[in-house]
Amino acid sequence: MVEEKPRLGRDVYLALAAVGWADGKLDQDEADAIVRTALEEGLDIVEIAEIEAATKDHVDLGVIDRKNLSKEDRLFVYAVACWLTRLDGVVSPAEANALRELGETLKIPEKPRAIVDGIAQDIANRGEDRPSRYDLLGLRRAIGDRLKSAHAKRDDA
């Protein structure tokens, strides 16, 4: 039997929109990436509509509810946010601040933040990193593999 991954909920995508809005504007590429990821995740039409609305009107990081997120989910959200902040070619001080705030909200320590940021960059560097080409499933798989490897090393110690 194949183990089904739990879905990321709408709050995750609302948080990603909030990070995108951190510099005062959410570029169309960033908005498209957020909505596309939510569609790929299989969210229902009502949730997609809420997410789309958040890409059109500014939302705040306070919308995120992490109680239903696994560690892997939280790392994935942070990695996607890192990638989104780089889509327009410039990470503004406000976006860097929003990433820091997101990391704190998600309770992700500095070292894992740097690791998943590196994974997100590696995947972006494999080819064109525009939303239609970025390998979000590969990113999620890479984070899951890294976590399993870390757990295995810890268990062997």
Protein backbone atom coordinates (compact mmCIF):
# COMPACT_ATOMS: atom_id res chain seq x y z
CA MET A 1 0.00 0.00 0.00
CA VAL A 2 1.34 3.44 -0.92
CA GLU A 3 1.41 5.90 1.97
CA GLU A 4 -0.52 9.03 1.04
CA LYS A 5 1.07 12.34 2.01
CA PRO A 6 -1.17 14.65 3.99
CA ARG A 7 -2.30 17.67 2.01
CA LEU A 8 -1.04 21.11 2.76
CA GLY A 9 -4.03 23.21 3.74
CA ARG A 10 -5.16 26.59 2.52
CA ASP A 11 -3.41 28.38 5.40
CA VAL A 12 -0.08 27.31 3.94
CA TYR A 13 -0.83 29.01 0.65
CA LEU A 14 -2.18 32.09 2.39
CA ALA A 15 1.13 32.28 4.26
CA LEU A 16 3.04 32.00 0.97
CA ALA A 17 0.95 34.85 -0.41
CA ALA A 18 1.81 36.92 2.67
CA VAL A 19 5.52 36.34 2.03
CA GLY A 20 5.02 37.35 -1.59
CA TRP A 21 3.31 40.57 -0.49
CA ALA A 22 6.16 41.45 1.90
CA ASP A 23 7.76 43.91 -0.53
CA GLY A 24 4.43 45.64 -1.16
CA LYS A 25 3.63 43.82 -4.40
CA LEU A 26 2.99 40.26 -5.43
CA ASP A 27 4.32 39.62 -8.92
CA GLN A 28 2.10 37.67 -11.30
CA ASP A 29 4.71 34.86 -11.52
CA GLU A 30 4.67 34.54 -7.73
CA ALA A 31 0.86 34.57 -7.60
CA ASP A 32 0.66 31.96 -10.37
CA ALA A 33 3.13 29.72 -8.53
CA ILE A 34 1.13 29.85 -5.31
CA VAL A 35 -2.17 29.04 -7.02
CA ARG A 36 -0.60 26.34 -9.23
CA THR A 37 0.94 24.64 -6.19
CA ALA A 38 -2.42 24.66 -4.40
CA LEU A 39 -4.09 23.18 -7.49
CA GLU A 40 -1.41 20.46 -7.72
CA GLU A 41 -1.99 19.71 -4.04
CA GLY A 42 -5.64 18.99 -4.83
CA LEU A 43 -7.32 21.67 -2.76
CA ASP A 44 -11.01 22.21 -3.42
CA ILE A 45 -12.39 25.04 -5.53
CA VAL A 46 -13.50 27.14 -2.52
CA GLU A 47 -10.00 27.00 -1.02
CA ILE A 48 -8.45 27.82 -4.40
CA ALA A 49 -10.72 30.86 -4.68
CA GLU A 50 -9.58 32.06 -1.21
CA ILE A 51 -5.95 31.58 -2.19
CA GLU A 52 -6.45 33.42 -5.47
CA ALA A 53 -8.05 36.29 -3.55
CA ALA A 54 -5.00 36.41 -1.26
CA THR A 55 -2.77 36.80 -4.31
CA LYS A 56 -4.80 39.84 -5.38
CA ASP A 57 -5.13 41.61 -2.00
CA HIS A 58 -2.44 41.93 0.67
CA VAL A 59 -2.53 39.31 3.45
CA ASP A 60 -0.49 39.13 6.65
CA LEU A 61 1.66 36.25 7.98
CA GLY A 62 -0.69 36.02 10.94
CA VAL A 63 -2.99 33.88 8.78
CA ILE A 64 -0.85 30.76 9.16
CA ASP A 65 -1.98 27.99 11.52
CA ARG A 66 0.86 25.51 11.95
CA LYS A 67 -0.83 23.10 14.37
CA ASN A 68 -1.77 20.70 11.54
CA LEU A 69 1.58 20.90 9.74
CA SER A 70 4.22 18.19 10.01
CA LYS A 71 7.89 19.10 10.17
CA GLU A 72 8.23 18.18 6.49
CA ASP A 73 5.25 20.39 5.61
CA ARG A 74 6.73 23.34 7.51
CA LEU A 75 10.10 22.91 5.79
CA PHE A 76 8.40 22.65 2.39
CA VAL A 77 6.44 25.86 3.00
CA TYR A 78 9.63 27.65 4.00
CA ALA A 79 11.50 26.34 0.94
CA VAL A 80 8.74 27.43 -1.44
CA ALA A 81 8.70 30.85 0.23
CA CYS A 82 12.48 31.12 -0.28
CA TRP A 83 12.05 30.30 -3.96
CA LEU A 84 9.13 32.72 -4.36
CA THR A 85 11.13 35.61 -2.94
CA ARG A 86 13.77 35.07 -5.65
CA LEU A 87 11.42 34.83 -8.63
CA ASP A 88 11.64 38.51 -9.50
CA GLY A 89 15.44 38.42 -9.23
CA VAL A 90 15.65 40.58 -6.09
CA VAL A 91 15.15 39.65 -2.45
CA SER A 92 14.14 42.92 -0.83
CA PRO A 93 14.84 43.64 2.85
CA ALA A 94 11.08 43.34 3.47
CA GLU A 95 11.01 39.90 1.81
CA ALA A 96 14.07 38.77 3.81
CA ASN A 97 12.30 39.98 6.94
CA ALA A 98 9.13 38.11 5.96
CA LEU A 99 11.17 34.92 5.44
CA ARG A 100 12.72 35.34 8.89
CA GLU A 101 9.25 35.92 10.38
CA LEU A 102 7.86 32.89 8.52
CA GLY A 103 10.72 30.73 9.82
CA GLU A 104 9.95 31.86 13.36
CA THR A 105 6.20 31.38 12.91
CA LEU A 106 6.83 27.85 11.61
CA LYS A 107 9.32 27.21 14.47
CA ILE A 108 12.15 26.27 12.08
CA PRO A 109 15.66 26.77 13.50
CA GLU A 110 18.30 28.65 11.46
CA LYS A 111 20.27 25.59 10.28
CA PRO A 112 17.27 23.76 8.74
CA ARG A 113 16.19 27.07 7.15
CA ALA A 114 19.55 27.33 5.41
CA ILE A 115 19.41 23.67 4.33
CA VAL A 116 15.96 23.88 2.73
CA ASP A 117 16.83 27.22 1.14
CA GLY A 118 19.81 25.47 -0.46
CA ILE A 119 17.60 22.60 -1.64
CA ALA A 120 15.16 25.10 -3.18
CA GLN A 121 18.04 26.86 -4.98
CA ASP A 122 19.50 23.55 -6.22
CA ILE A 123 16.17 22.58 -7.75
CA ALA A 124 15.77 26.06 -9.30
CA ASN A 125 19.27 25.75 -10.81
CA ARG A 126 18.41 22.48 -12.57
CA GLY A 127 16.61 24.43 -15.24
CA GLU A 128 14.36 27.38 -15.74
CA ASP A 129 12.89 28.37 -12.36
CA ARG A 130 9.77 30.08 -13.67
CA PRO A 131 6.61 28.80 -11.98
CA SER A 132 5.56 26.60 -14.88
CA ARG A 133 8.92 24.79 -14.87
CA TYR A 134 9.90 24.66 -11.20
CA ASP A 135 9.79 21.12 -9.78
CA LEU A 136 7.65 21.57 -6.65
CA LEU A 137 7.12 17.83 -6.26
CA GLY A 138 10.88 17.33 -6.56
CA LEU A 139 11.41 19.94 -3.86
CA ARG A 140 8.99 18.20 -1.54
CA ARG A 141 10.59 14.81 -2.26
CA ALA A 142 14.11 16.21 -1.64
CA ILE A 143 13.06 17.67 1.72
CA GLY A 144 11.43 14.37 2.72
CA ASP A 145 14.53 12.42 1.70
CA ARG A 146 16.78 14.80 3.66
CA LEU A 147 14.59 14.40 6.76
CA LYS A 148 14.60 10.60 6.47
CA SER A 149 18.38 10.63 6.11
CA ALA A 150 18.77 12.86 9.17
CA HIS A 151 16.45 10.61 11.20
CA ALA A 152 18.35 7.49 10.10
CA LYS A 153 21.68 9.05 11.12
CA ARG A 154 20.22 10.07 14.49
CA ASP A 155 18.80 6.57 15.03
CA ASP A 156 22.15 4.96 14.18
CA ALA A 157 24.05 7.17 16.62
